[in-house]
Amino acid sequence: MTITYDDFEKSYPEIHTDFFKHITEADVLFIANGRKKGIDGYIGTETFAELGFGLAQNDEIVLWLKLGWVETL
Protein backbone atom coordinates (compact mmCIF):
# COMPACT_ATOMS: atom_id res chain seq x y z
CA MET A 1 0.00 0.00 0.00
CA THR A 2 1.28 3.44 -0.88
CA ILE A 3 0.16 6.55 0.93
CA THR A 4 0.71 10.09 -0.30
CA TYR A 5 2.46 12.63 1.88
CA ASP A 6 -0.77 14.65 2.21
CA ASP A 7 -2.74 11.58 3.29
CA PHE A 8 0.00 10.65 5.74
CA GLU A 9 0.07 14.15 7.18
CA LYS A 10 -3.72 14.10 7.67
CA SER A 11 -3.98 10.60 9.13
CA TYR A 12 -0.82 10.43 11.26
CA PRO A 13 -2.12 12.29 14.35
CA GLU A 14 -5.14 10.00 14.66
CA ILE A 15 -3.15 6.83 13.98
CA HIS A 16 -0.48 7.86 16.49
CA THR A 17 -3.05 8.75 19.15
CA ASP A 18 -4.90 5.46 18.62
CA PHE A 19 -1.64 3.53 18.88
CA PHE A 20 -0.80 5.04 22.26
CA LYS A 21 -4.40 4.47 23.38
CA HIS A 22 -3.94 0.80 22.55
CA ILE A 23 -0.77 0.72 24.65
CA THR A 24 -2.80 1.90 27.67
CA GLU A 25 -5.31 -0.89 27.05
CA ALA A 26 -2.74 -3.65 26.48
CA ASP A 27 -1.70 -6.24 29.04
CA VAL A 28 1.73 -6.59 27.46
CA LEU A 29 3.90 -4.33 25.32
CA PHE A 30 6.29 -6.54 23.36
CA ILE A 31 9.28 -4.90 21.73
CA ALA A 32 11.50 -6.92 19.42
CA ASN A 33 14.76 -5.07 19.12
CA GLY A 34 17.20 -6.84 16.82
CA ARG A 35 20.44 -5.68 15.32
CA LYS A 36 20.27 -2.33 13.56
CA LYS A 37 22.83 0.30 12.67
CA GLY A 38 25.51 -2.12 13.85
CA ILE A 39 24.05 -2.28 17.37
CA ASP A 40 22.62 -5.44 18.93
CA GLY A 41 19.36 -4.69 20.74
CA TYR A 42 18.97 -1.33 19.01
CA ILE A 43 15.95 0.72 20.13
CA GLY A 44 15.06 3.77 18.06
CA THR A 45 13.54 6.97 19.33
CA GLU A 46 9.92 6.03 18.60
CA THR A 47 10.28 2.61 20.22
CA PHE A 48 11.94 4.24 23.23
CA ALA A 49 9.00 6.65 23.51
CA GLU A 50 6.50 3.78 23.28
CA LEU A 51 8.40 1.81 25.91
CA GLY A 52 8.58 4.76 28.30
CA PHE A 53 4.90 5.51 27.79
CA GLY A 54 3.97 1.88 28.40
CA LEU A 55 6.04 1.67 31.55
CA ALA A 56 4.52 4.88 32.88
CA GLN A 57 1.04 3.38 32.51
CA ASN A 58 1.68 0.45 34.79
CA ASP A 59 2.94 0.12 38.36
CA GLU A 60 3.71 -3.56 37.70
CA ILE A 61 7.27 -2.60 36.75
CA VAL A 62 7.84 -1.80 40.46
CA LEU A 63 6.96 -5.40 41.30
CA TRP A 64 9.28 -6.67 38.57
CA LEU A 65 12.12 -4.62 40.04
CA LYS A 66 11.47 -6.05 43.52
CA LEU A 67 11.43 -9.58 42.11
CA GLY A 68 14.66 -8.97 40.22
CA TRP A 69 13.02 -9.64 36.82
CA VAL A 70 14.33 -6.33 35.42
CA GLU A 71 17.19 -4.04 36.36
CA THR A 72 17.72 -0.33 36.28
CA LEU A 73 20.84 1.01 34.65
PDB file of N, CA and C in Angstrom:
ATOM      1  N   MET A   1       0.849  -1.180   0.000  1.00  0.00           N
ATOM      2  CA  MET A   1       0.000   0.000   0.000  1.00  0.00           C
ATOM      3  C   MET A   1       0.890   1.236   0.000  1.00  0.00           C
ATOM      4  N   THR A   2       0.553   2.182  -0.811  1.00  0.00           N
ATOM      5  CA  THR A   2       1.277   3.438  -0.881  1.00  0.00           C
ATOM      6  C   THR A   2       0.365   4.556  -0.386  1.00  0.00           C
ATOM      7  N   ILE A   3       0.932   5.428   0.403  1.00  0.00           N
ATOM      8  CA  ILE A   3       0.160   6.553   0.927  1.00  0.00           C
ATOM      9  C   ILE A   3       0.875   7.837   0.518  1.00  0.00           C
ATOM     10  N   THR A   4       0.111   8.814   0.095  1.00  0.00           N
ATOM     11  CA  THR A   4       0.705  10.090  -0.299  1.00  0.00           C
ATOM     12  C   THR A   4       1.123  10.865   0.947  1.00  0.00           C
ATOM     13  N   TYR A   5       2.010  11.802   0.764  1.00  0.00           N
ATOM     14  CA  TYR A   5       2.460  12.632   1.882  1.00  0.00           C
ATOM     15  C   TYR A   5       1.284  13.372   2.517  1.00  0.00           C
ATOM     16  N   ASP A   6       0.390  13.906   1.679  1.00  0.00           N
ATOM     17  CA  ASP A   6      -0.771  14.650   2.210  1.00  0.00           C
ATOM     18  C   ASP A   6      -1.672  13.746   3.033  1.00  0.00           C
ATOM     19  N   ASP A   7      -1.920  12.521   2.538  1.00  0.00           N
ATOM     20  CA  ASP A   7      -2.741  11.583   3.295  1.00  0.00           C
ATOM     21  C   ASP A   7      -2.061  11.193   4.600  1.00  0.00           C
ATOM     22  N   PHE A   8      -0.756  10.990   4.538  1.00  0.00           N
ATOM     23  CA  PHE A   8       0.002  10.649   5.740  1.00  0.00           C
ATOM     24  C   PHE A   8      -0.097  11.774   6.762  1.00  0.00           C
ATOM     25  N   GLU A   9       0.106  12.987   6.289  1.00  0.00           N
ATOM     26  CA  GLU A   9       0.072  14.148   7.183  1.00  0.00           C
ATOM     27  C   GLU A   9      -1.302  14.304   7.851  1.00  0.00           C
ATOM     28  N   LYS A  10      -2.357  13.997   7.120  1.00  0.00           N
ATOM     29  CA  LYS A  10      -3.716  14.104   7.667  1.00  0.00           C
ATOM     30  C   LYS A  10      -4.015  12.971   8.650  1.00  0.00           C
ATOM     31  N   SER A  11      -3.591  11.762   8.325  1.00  0.00           N
ATOM     32  CA  SER A  11      -3.977  10.597   9.128  1.00  0.00           C
ATOM     33  C   SER A  11      -3.036  10.299  10.285  1.00  0.00           C
ATOM     34  N   TYR A  12      -1.803  10.784  10.240  1.00  0.00           N
ATOM     35  CA  TYR A  12      -0.819  10.430  11.265  1.00  0.00           C
ATOM     36  C   TYR A  12      -1.244  10.785  12.686  1.00  0.00           C
ATOM     37  N   PRO A  13      -1.748  11.985  12.957  1.00  0.00           N
ATOM     38  CA  PRO A  13      -2.117  12.293  14.352  1.00  0.00           C
ATOM     39  C   PRO A  13      -3.126  11.310  14.942  1.00  0.00           C
ATOM     40  N   GLU A  14      -4.140  10.935  14.160  1.00  0.00           N
ATOM     41  CA  GLU A  14      -5.144   9.998  14.663  1.00  0.00           C
ATOM     42  C   GLU A  14      -4.550   8.592  14.843  1.00  0.00           C
ATOM     43  N   ILE A  15      -3.774   8.153  13.884  1.00  0.00           N
ATOM     44  CA  ILE A  15      -3.149   6.830  13.980  1.00  0.00           C
ATOM     45  C   ILE A  15      -2.219   6.773  15.189  1.00  0.00           C
ATOM     46  N   HIS A  16      -1.432   7.800  15.374  1.00  0.00           N
ATOM     47  CA  HIS A  16      -0.477   7.859  16.486  1.00  0.00           C
ATOM     48  C   HIS A  16      -1.209   7.874  17.823  1.00  0.00           C
ATOM     49  N   THR A  17      -2.258   8.677  17.920  1.00  0.00           N
ATOM     50  CA  THR A  17      -3.054   8.747  19.148  1.00  0.00           C
ATOM     51  C   THR A  17      -3.701   7.400  19.450  1.00  0.00           C
ATOM     52  N   ASP A  18      -4.272   6.780  18.429  1.00  0.00           N
ATOM     53  CA  ASP A  18      -4.898   5.458  18.617  1.00  0.00           C
ATOM     54  C   ASP A  18      -3.870   4.434  19.074  1.00  0.00           C
ATOM     55  N   PHE A  19      -2.675   4.491  18.506  1.00  0.00           N
ATOM     56  CA  PHE A  19      -1.635   3.533  18.880  1.00  0.00           C
ATOM     57  C   PHE A  19      -1.300   3.650  20.365  1.00  0.00           C
ATOM     58  N   PHE A  20      -1.109   4.858  20.846  1.00  0.00           N
ATOM     59  CA  PHE A  20      -0.797   5.042  22.263  1.00  0.00           C
ATOM     60  C   PHE A  20      -1.995   4.689  23.146  1.00  0.00           C
ATOM     61  N   LYS A  21      -3.203   4.898  22.647  1.00  0.00           N
ATOM     62  CA  LYS A  21      -4.398   4.473  23.385  1.00  0.00           C
ATOM     63  C   LYS A  21      -4.387   2.953  23.544  1.00  0.00           C
ATOM     64  N   HIS A  22      -4.008   2.263  22.491  1.00  0.00           N
ATOM     65  CA  HIS A  22      -3.944   0.798  22.549  1.00  0.00           C
ATOM     66  C   HIS A  22      -2.879   0.331  23.542  1.00  0.00           C
ATOM     67  N   ILE A  23      -1.800   1.075  23.664  1.00  0.00           N
ATOM     68  CA  ILE A  23      -0.773   0.724  24.654  1.00  0.00           C
ATOM     69  C   ILE A  23      -1.379   0.784  26.057  1.00  0.00           C
ATOM     70  N   THR A  24      -2.192   1.794  26.334  1.00  0.00           N
ATOM     71  CA  THR A  24      -2.800   1.903  27.670  1.00  0.00           C
ATOM     72  C   THR A  24      -3.775   0.763  27.944  1.00  0.00           C
ATOM     73  N   GLU A  25      -4.339   0.191  26.900  1.00  0.00           N
ATOM     74  CA  GLU A  25      -5.313  -0.889  27.048  1.00  0.00           C
ATOM     75  C   GLU A  25      -4.667  -2.279  27.038  1.00  0.00           C
ATOM     76  N   ALA A  26      -3.411  -2.354  26.648  1.00  0.00           N
ATOM     77  CA  ALA A  26      -2.744  -3.648  26.485  1.00  0.00           C
ATOM     78  C   ALA A  26      -2.291  -4.231  27.823  1.00  0.00           C
ATOM     79  N   ASP A  27      -2.261  -5.540  27.881  1.00  0.00           N
ATOM     80  CA  ASP A  27      -1.704  -6.236  29.040  1.00  0.00           C
ATOM     81  C   ASP A  27      -0.186  -6.350  28.928  1.00  0.00           C
ATOM     82  N   VAL A  28       0.301  -6.405  27.703  1.00  0.00           N
ATOM     83  CA  VAL A  28       1.731  -6.585  27.459  1.00  0.00           C
ATOM     84  C   VAL A  28       2.144  -5.694  26.295  1.00  0.00           C
ATOM     85  N   LEU A  29       3.293  -5.070  26.421  1.00  0.00           N
ATOM     86  CA  LEU A  29       3.896  -4.332  25.319  1.00  0.00           C
ATOM     87  C   LEU A  29       5.167  -5.077  24.948  1.00  0.00           C
ATOM     88  N   PHE A  30       5.162  -5.736  23.808  1.00  0.00           N
ATOM     89  CA  PHE A  30       6.294  -6.537  23.364  1.00  0.00           C
ATOM     90  C   PHE A  30       7.098  -5.733  22.372  1.00  0.00           C
ATOM     91  N   ILE A  31       8.389  -5.622  22.629  1.00  0.00           N
ATOM     92  CA  ILE A  31       9.285  -4.902  21.729  1.00  0.00           C
ATOM     93  C   ILE A  31      10.372  -5.863  21.288  1.00  0.00           C
ATOM     94  N   ALA A  32      10.457  -6.062  19.991  1.00  0.00           N
ATOM     95  CA  ALA A  32      11.504  -6.920  19.425  1.00  0.00           C
ATOM     96  C   ALA A  32      12.588  -6.004  18.873  1.00  0.00           C
ATOM     97  N   ASN A  33      13.692  -5.970  19.548  1.00  0.00           N
ATOM     98  CA  ASN A  33      14.764  -5.073  19.121  1.00  0.00           C
ATOM     99  C   ASN A  33      15.973  -5.907  18.695  1.00  0.00           C
ATOM    100  N   GLY A  34      16.092  -6.079  17.399  1.00  0.00           N
ATOM    101  CA  GLY A  34      17.200  -6.836  16.824  1.00  0.00           C
ATOM    102  C   GLY A  34      18.395  -5.950  16.555  1.00  0.00           C
ATOM    103  N   ARG A  35      19.244  -6.416  15.692  1.00  0.00           N
ATOM    104  CA  ARG A  35      20.443  -5.676  15.325  1.00  0.00           C
ATOM    105  C   ARG A  35      20.096  -4.643  14.263  1.00  0.00           C
ATOM    106  N   LYS A  36      20.499  -3.414  14.502  1.00  0.00           N
ATOM    107  CA  LYS A  36      20.267  -2.332  13.555  1.00  0.00           C
ATOM    108  C   LYS A  36      21.365  -1.300  13.734  1.00  0.00           C
ATOM    109  N   LYS A  37      21.784  -0.721  12.641  1.00  0.00           N
ATOM    110  CA  LYS A  37      22.833   0.302  12.666  1.00  0.00           C
ATOM    111  C   LYS A  37      24.087  -0.215  13.369  1.00  0.00           C
ATOM    112  N   GLY A  38      24.327  -1.525  13.244  1.00  0.00           N
ATOM    113  CA  GLY A  38      25.512  -2.120  13.853  1.00  0.00           C
ATOM    114  C   GLY A  38      25.421  -2.316  15.358  1.00  0.00           C
ATOM    115  N   ILE A  39      24.221  -2.180  15.920  1.00  0.00           N
ATOM    116  CA  ILE A  39      24.047  -2.279  17.373  1.00  0.00           C
ATOM    117  C   ILE A  39      23.078  -3.414  17.674  1.00  0.00           C
ATOM    118  N   ASP A  40      23.524  -4.391  18.458  1.00  0.00           N
ATOM    119  CA  ASP A  40      22.617  -5.442  18.928  1.00  0.00           C
ATOM    120  C   ASP A  40      21.641  -4.842  19.928  1.00  0.00           C
ATOM    121  N   GLY A  41      20.371  -5.199  19.809  1.00  0.00           N
ATOM    122  CA  GLY A  41      19.364  -4.693  20.742  1.00  0.00           C
ATOM    123  C   GLY A  41      19.035  -3.227  20.537  1.00  0.00           C
ATOM    124  N   TYR A  42      19.222  -2.734  19.315  1.00  0.00           N
ATOM    125  CA  TYR A  42      18.971  -1.328  19.006  1.00  0.00           C
ATOM    126  C   TYR A  42      17.513  -0.964  19.273  1.00  0.00           C
ATOM    127  N   ILE A  43      17.287   0.161  19.925  1.00  0.00           N
ATOM    128  CA  ILE A  43      15.947   0.717  20.132  1.00  0.00           C
ATOM    129  C   ILE A  43      15.981   2.152  19.608  1.00  0.00           C
ATOM    130  N   GLY A  44      15.138   2.425  18.629  1.00  0.00           N
ATOM    131  CA  GLY A  44      15.064   3.766  18.059  1.00  0.00           C
ATOM    132  C   GLY A  44      14.263   4.711  18.941  1.00  0.00           C
ATOM    133  N   THR A  45      14.190   5.941  18.515  1.00  0.00           N
ATOM    134  CA  THR A  45      13.537   6.973  19.326  1.00  0.00           C
ATOM    135  C   THR A  45      12.045   6.708  19.516  1.00  0.00           C
ATOM    136  N   GLU A  46      11.356   6.273  18.470  1.00  0.00           N
ATOM    137  CA  GLU A  46       9.916   6.029  18.601  1.00  0.00           C
ATOM    138  C   GLU A  46       9.656   4.834  19.516  1.00  0.00           C
ATOM    139  N   THR A  47      10.443   3.781  19.355  1.00  0.00           N
ATOM    140  CA  THR A  47      10.279   2.612  20.220  1.00  0.00           C
ATOM    141  C   THR A  47      10.584   2.972  21.663  1.00  0.00           C
ATOM    142  N   PHE A  48      11.600   3.794  21.881  1.00  0.00           N
ATOM    143  CA  PHE A  48      11.939   4.235  23.230  1.00  0.00           C
ATOM    144  C   PHE A  48      10.778   5.022  23.845  1.00  0.00           C
ATOM    145  N   ALA A  49      10.145   5.874  23.035  1.00  0.00           N
ATOM    146  CA  ALA A  49       8.998   6.655  23.513  1.00  0.00           C
ATOM    147  C   ALA A  49       7.832   5.728  23.872  1.00  0.00           C
ATOM    148  N   GLU A  50       7.583   4.734  23.014  1.00  0.00           N
ATOM    149  CA  GLU A  50       6.501   3.784  23.284  1.00  0.00           C
ATOM    150  C   GLU A  50       6.782   2.985  24.555  1.00  0.00           C
ATOM    151  N   LEU A  51       8.016   2.565  24.724  1.00  0.00           N
ATOM    152  CA  LEU A  51       8.403   1.806  25.907  1.00  0.00           C
ATOM    153  C   LEU A  51       8.232   2.646  27.170  1.00  0.00           C
ATOM    154  N   GLY A  52       8.723   3.873  27.140  1.00  0.00           N
ATOM    155  CA  GLY A  52       8.580   4.761  28.297  1.00  0.00           C
ATOM    156  C   GLY A  52       7.120   5.046  28.618  1.00  0.00           C
ATOM    157  N   PHE A  53       6.329   5.268  27.590  1.00  0.00           N
ATOM    158  CA  PHE A  53       4.903   5.508  27.789  1.00  0.00           C
ATOM    159  C   PHE A  53       4.238   4.283  28.409  1.00  0.00           C
ATOM    160  N   GLY A  54       4.546   3.114  27.871  1.00  0.00           N
ATOM    161  CA  GLY A  54       3.968   1.879  28.397  1.00  0.00           C
ATOM    162  C   GLY A  54       4.343   1.633  29.840  1.00  0.00           C
ATOM    163  N   LEU A  55       5.593   1.862  30.170  1.00  0.00           N
ATOM    164  CA  LEU A  55       6.039   1.672  31.549  1.00  0.00           C
ATOM    165  C   LEU A  55       5.355   2.647  32.495  1.00  0.00           C
ATOM    166  N   ALA A  56       5.149   3.863  32.034  1.00  0.00           N
ATOM    167  CA  ALA A  56       4.517   4.880  32.875  1.00  0.00           C
ATOM    168  C   ALA A  56       3.050   4.558  33.152  1.00  0.00           C
ATOM    169  N   GLN A  57       2.447   3.719  32.341  1.00  0.00           N
ATOM    170  CA  GLN A  57       1.037   3.379  32.508  1.00  0.00           C
ATOM    171  C   GLN A  57       0.806   2.294  33.547  1.00  0.00           C
ATOM    172  N   ASN A  58       1.872   1.655  34.001  1.00  0.00           N
ATOM    173  CA  ASN A  58       1.683   0.449  34.795  1.00  0.00           C
ATOM    174  C   ASN A  58       2.653   0.401  35.965  1.00  0.00           C
ATOM    175  N   ASP A  59       2.112   0.233  37.165  1.00  0.00           N
ATOM    176  CA  ASP A  59       2.941   0.119  38.362  1.00  0.00           C
ATOM    177  C   ASP A  59       3.561  -1.266  38.495  1.00  0.00           C
ATOM    178  N   GLU A  60       3.194  -2.197  37.613  1.00  0.00           N
ATOM    179  CA  GLU A  60       3.705  -3.559  37.698  1.00  0.00           C
ATOM    180  C   GLU A  60       5.228  -3.600  37.568  1.00  0.00           C
ATOM    181  N   ILE A  61       5.806  -2.624  36.904  1.00  0.00           N
ATOM    182  CA  ILE A  61       7.266  -2.596  36.754  1.00  0.00           C
ATOM    183  C   ILE A  61       7.935  -2.514  38.128  1.00  0.00           C
ATOM    184  N   VAL A  62       7.298  -1.877  39.098  1.00  0.00           N
ATOM    185  CA  VAL A  62       7.838  -1.801  40.456  1.00  0.00           C
ATOM    186  C   VAL A  62       7.945  -3.207  41.044  1.00  0.00           C
ATOM    187  N   LEU A  63       6.929  -4.017  40.832  1.00  0.00           N
ATOM    188  CA  LEU A  63       6.957  -5.397  41.299  1.00  0.00           C
ATOM    189  C   LEU A  63       8.073  -6.168  40.605  1.00  0.00           C
ATOM    190  N   TRP A  64       8.225  -5.968  39.318  1.00  0.00           N
ATOM    191  CA  TRP A  64       9.280  -6.668  38.574  1.00  0.00           C
ATOM    192  C   TRP A  64      10.653  -6.309  39.116  1.00  0.00           C
ATOM    193  N   LEU A  65      10.841  -5.040  39.454  1.00  0.00           N
ATOM    194  CA  LEU A  65      12.118  -4.616  40.039  1.00  0.00           C
ATOM    195  C   LEU A  65      12.368  -5.323  41.366  1.00  0.00           C
ATOM    196  N   LYS A  66      11.330  -5.389  42.221  1.00  0.00           N
ATOM    197  CA  LYS A  66      11.469  -6.046  43.523  1.00  0.00           C
ATOM    198  C   LYS A  66      11.776  -7.534  43.372  1.00  0.00           C
ATOM    199  N   LEU A  67      11.207  -8.160  42.337  1.00  0.00           N
ATOM    200  CA  LEU A  67      11.426  -9.582  42.112  1.00  0.00           C
ATOM    201  C   LEU A  67      12.748  -9.867  41.389  1.00  0.00           C
ATOM    202  N   GLY A  68      13.399  -8.798  40.918  1.00  0.00           N
ATOM    203  CA  GLY A  68      14.660  -8.970  40.216  1.00  0.00           C
ATOM    204  C   GLY A  68      14.495  -9.390  38.757  1.00  0.00           C
ATOM    205  N   TRP A  69      13.279  -9.259  38.219  1.00  0.00           N
ATOM    206  CA  TRP A  69      13.025  -9.643  36.823  1.00  0.00           C
ATOM    207  C   TRP A  69      13.595  -8.634  35.837  1.00  0.00           C
ATOM    208  N   VAL A  70      13.733  -7.377  36.259  1.00  0.00           N
ATOM    209  CA  VAL A  70      14.328  -6.325  35.425  1.00  0.00           C
ATOM    210  C   VAL A  70      15.306  -5.552  36.295  1.00  0.00           C
ATOM    211  N   GLU A  71      16.200  -4.853  35.651  1.00  0.00           N
ATOM    212  CA  GLU A  71      17.191  -4.039  36.364  1.00  0.00           C
ATOM    213  C   GLU A  71      17.149  -2.615  35.860  1.00  0.00           C
ATOM    214  N   THR A  72      17.526  -1.697  36.712  1.00  0.00           N
ATOM    215  CA  THR A  72      17.718  -0.333  36.281  1.00  0.00           C
ATOM    216  C   THR A  72      19.181  -0.166  35.909  1.00  0.00           C
ATOM    217  N   LEU A  73      19.439   0.781  35.057  1.00  0.00           N
ATOM    218  CA  LEU A  73      20.836   1.015  34.651  1.00  0.00           C
ATOM    219  C   LEU A  73      21.495   2.031  35.539  1.00  0.00           C
TER     220      LEU A  73
END
